[in-house]
Protein backbone atom coordinates (compact mmCIF):
# COMPACT_ATOMS: atom_id res chain seq x y z
CA UNK A 1 7.23 -237.91 43.44
CA UNK A 2 5.51 -238.25 40.34
CA UNK A 3 1.96 -239.68 40.69
CA UNK A 4 0.55 -241.38 37.81
CA UNK A 5 -3.08 -240.34 36.51
CA UNK A 6 -5.44 -243.12 35.67
CA UNK A 7 -9.04 -243.38 35.33
CA UNK A 8 -9.94 -247.62 36.00
CA UNK A 9 -13.38 -249.48 35.82
CA UNK A 10 -14.75 -252.72 35.67
CA UNK A 11 -18.05 -254.05 34.77
CA UNK A 12 -20.05 -256.79 34.70
CA UNK A 13 -23.26 -258.56 33.91
CA UNK A 14 -25.16 -258.32 37.31
CA UNK A 15 -28.61 -257.37 36.30
CA UNK A 16 -31.09 -258.86 38.41
CA UNK A 17 -33.90 -259.86 35.51
CA UNK A 18 -30.63 -261.16 33.15
CA UNK A 19 -29.67 -263.74 36.00
CA UNK A 20 -33.46 -264.41 36.01
CA UNK A 21 -33.97 -265.58 32.78
CA UNK A 22 -30.44 -267.53 32.60
CA UNK A 23 -31.55 -269.25 35.83
CA UNK A 24 -34.61 -269.92 34.42
CA UNK A 25 -33.48 -271.21 31.31
CA UNK A 26 -30.41 -273.53 32.89
CA UNK A 27 -32.90 -275.45 35.26
CA UNK A 28 -35.55 -275.84 32.71
CA UNK A 29 -32.66 -277.43 30.58
CA UNK A 30 -31.75 -279.08 33.76
CA UNK A 31 -35.59 -280.62 34.14
CA UNK A 32 -36.19 -281.75 30.25
CA UNK A 33 -32.17 -283.33 30.75
CA UNK A 34 -33.94 -285.00 33.96
CA UNK A 35 -37.11 -285.40 32.28
CA UNK A 36 -35.72 -286.72 28.91
CA UNK A 37 -32.88 -289.11 30.29
CA UNK A 38 -34.26 -292.40 28.85
CA UNK A 39 -34.77 -290.82 25.60
CA UNK A 40 -31.55 -289.46 24.69
CA UNK A 41 -28.01 -290.93 24.78
CA UNK A 42 -25.40 -290.17 27.68
CA UNK A 43 -23.30 -287.77 25.41
CA UNK A 44 -26.70 -285.94 24.17
CA UNK A 45 -27.39 -285.26 27.63
CA UNK A 46 -24.33 -284.39 28.33
CA UNK A 47 -23.92 -281.83 25.62
CA UNK A 48 -27.13 -280.53 26.22
CA UNK A 49 -26.52 -279.45 30.02
CA UNK A 50 -22.81 -278.65 28.97
CA UNK A 51 -24.81 -275.71 26.44
CA UNK A 52 -26.43 -274.28 28.89
CA UNK A 53 -23.43 -274.04 31.74
CA UNK A 54 -21.58 -272.74 28.97
CA UNK A 55 -23.63 -270.04 28.72
CA UNK A 56 -24.26 -269.15 32.78
CA UNK A 57 -20.19 -269.16 33.13
CA UNK A 58 -19.97 -266.74 30.01
CA UNK A 59 -22.51 -264.25 31.11
CA UNK A 60 -20.62 -264.65 35.02
CA UNK A 61 -17.52 -264.30 34.06
CA UNK A 62 -17.72 -261.32 31.03
CA UNK A 63 -16.42 -258.21 31.70
CA UNK A 64 -15.60 -254.90 30.59
CA UNK A 65 -12.81 -253.18 32.00
CA UNK A 66 -11.85 -249.37 30.66
CA UNK A 67 -8.26 -247.55 31.06
CA UNK A 68 -7.81 -244.44 30.59
CA UNK A 69 -4.47 -242.51 31.17
CA UNK A 70 -1.83 -239.84 29.80
CA UNK A 71 -1.39 -241.89 26.80
CA UNK A 72 -4.54 -243.09 25.48
CA UNK A 73 -7.36 -245.87 26.16
CA UNK A 74 -7.20 -249.72 26.63
CA UNK A 75 -10.99 -251.73 26.45
CA UNK A 76 -11.31 -255.48 26.73
CA UNK A 77 -13.89 -257.09 26.80
CA UNK A 78 -12.81 -260.32 28.30
CA UNK A 79 -13.02 -263.02 27.41
CA UNK A 80 -13.46 -261.74 24.07
CA UNK A 81 -10.01 -259.52 24.22
CA UNK A 82 -7.86 -261.74 25.98
CA UNK A 83 -5.07 -258.59 26.00
CA UNK A 84 -6.51 -254.91 26.30
CA UNK A 85 -7.36 -253.01 22.74
CA UNK A 86 -4.83 -249.70 22.85
CA UNK A 87 -6.36 -246.17 21.46
CA UNK A 88 -4.04 -243.69 21.73
CA UNK A 89 -4.85 -239.89 21.33
CA UNK A 90 -3.12 -238.77 18.89
CA UNK A 91 -5.36 -241.67 17.28
CA UNK A 92 -8.69 -239.87 18.58
CA UNK A 93 -10.34 -236.64 17.29
CA UNK A 94 -13.77 -235.97 20.14
CA UNK A 95 -13.63 -238.03 23.25
CA UNK A 96 -16.98 -237.52 25.43
CA UNK A 97 -19.75 -238.35 27.49
CA UNK A 98 -23.24 -239.44 25.62
CA UNK A 99 -26.31 -240.91 26.56
CA UNK A 100 -27.71 -243.75 23.99
CA UNK A 101 -29.98 -246.53 23.71
CA UNK A 102 -28.35 -249.82 23.55
CA UNK A 103 -31.70 -251.57 21.89
CA UNK A 104 -31.92 -249.22 19.53
CA UNK A 105 -28.94 -247.90 18.75
CA UNK A 106 -26.28 -251.19 18.74
CA UNK A 107 -28.88 -253.60 19.06
CA UNK A 108 -28.04 -254.64 22.49
CA UNK A 109 -24.97 -255.34 24.98
CA UNK A 110 -21.81 -256.85 24.59
CA UNK A 111 -19.36 -256.13 21.89
CA UNK A 112 -21.98 -254.66 19.59
CA UNK A 113 -21.11 -253.00 15.95
CA UNK A 114 -24.05 -249.93 15.17
CA UNK A 115 -26.81 -248.85 12.58
CA UNK A 116 -26.56 -246.21 10.67
CA UNK A 117 -22.64 -245.11 10.98
CA UNK A 118 -23.18 -245.05 15.03
CA UNK A 119 -19.34 -247.42 15.08
CA UNK A 120 -18.61 -250.29 17.44
CA UNK A 121 -19.64 -250.77 21.29
CA UNK A 122 -18.52 -252.24 24.46
CA UNK A 123 -20.98 -252.33 26.75
CA UNK A 124 -22.45 -253.85 29.43
CA UNK A 125 -25.30 -252.30 31.17
CA UNK A 126 -26.87 -248.67 31.59
CA UNK A 127 -27.26 -245.78 28.75
CA UNK A 128 -24.36 -244.02 29.13
CA UNK A 129 -21.21 -244.27 27.53
CA UNK A 130 -17.18 -242.53 26.40
CA UNK A 131 -18.37 -241.58 22.82
CA UNK A 132 -15.10 -241.62 20.94
CA UNK A 133 -14.53 -240.43 17.37
CA UNK A 134 -11.37 -240.96 15.34
CA UNK A 135 -9.38 -239.05 12.68
CA UNK A 136 -10.58 -241.61 10.28
CA UNK A 137 -14.26 -240.40 10.99
CA UNK A 138 -14.83 -244.14 12.71
CA UNK A 139 -16.72 -244.26 16.77
CA UNK A 140 -16.21 -246.20 18.91
CA UNK A 141 -19.01 -246.48 22.47
CA UNK A 142 -17.45 -247.84 25.64
CA UNK A 143 -19.97 -248.08 28.18
CA UNK A 144 -19.47 -246.27 31.89
CA UNK A 145 -21.33 -246.59 34.87
CA UNK A 146 -18.87 -243.89 35.82
CA UNK A 147 -19.27 -241.04 33.64
CA UNK A 148 -19.18 -238.22 36.21
CA UNK A 149 -15.94 -239.53 37.18
CA UNK A 150 -14.71 -239.86 33.46
CA UNK A 151 -15.54 -236.23 33.17
CA UNK A 152 -13.11 -235.09 35.80
CA UNK A 153 -10.81 -237.04 34.42
CA UNK A 154 -10.56 -235.80 30.71
CA UNK A 155 -11.08 -232.21 31.89
CA UNK A 156 -8.37 -233.40 33.77
CA UNK A 157 -5.62 -234.25 31.36
CA UNK A 158 -6.74 -232.34 28.84
CA UNK A 159 -5.89 -229.10 30.95
């Protein structure tokens, strides 16, 4: 029986401090709506409440999925990407785990564009990622919470 080898990781925004900020903003927004209900129209109140709820739901449902197999790497930052982005091994010059600073190198978390030639990044939390350097020189960093597993997997498929 032919066993298929694959690495799979899913990450979500689950940092307590982030949710504290989001819940504070959501609570403040609803408090503001209740306090100012007599000064604004119904449609303005609905829009104000909807924006806060939308931001909450966006953070709640956002997830970074990474799949690595013998053919290449697939990554999706849902809901911004409905389908996986596929990067075949034949287009990748180097792939390695590295430490990075989300704020200093990429300006934060999510789908980011790095400064000074660092390339793009997909990250949700932490400071470790799978750095890809493509044959044309472009770079992509995929954040991970399972750096040891990726190292072992890369060693396994490269041997």
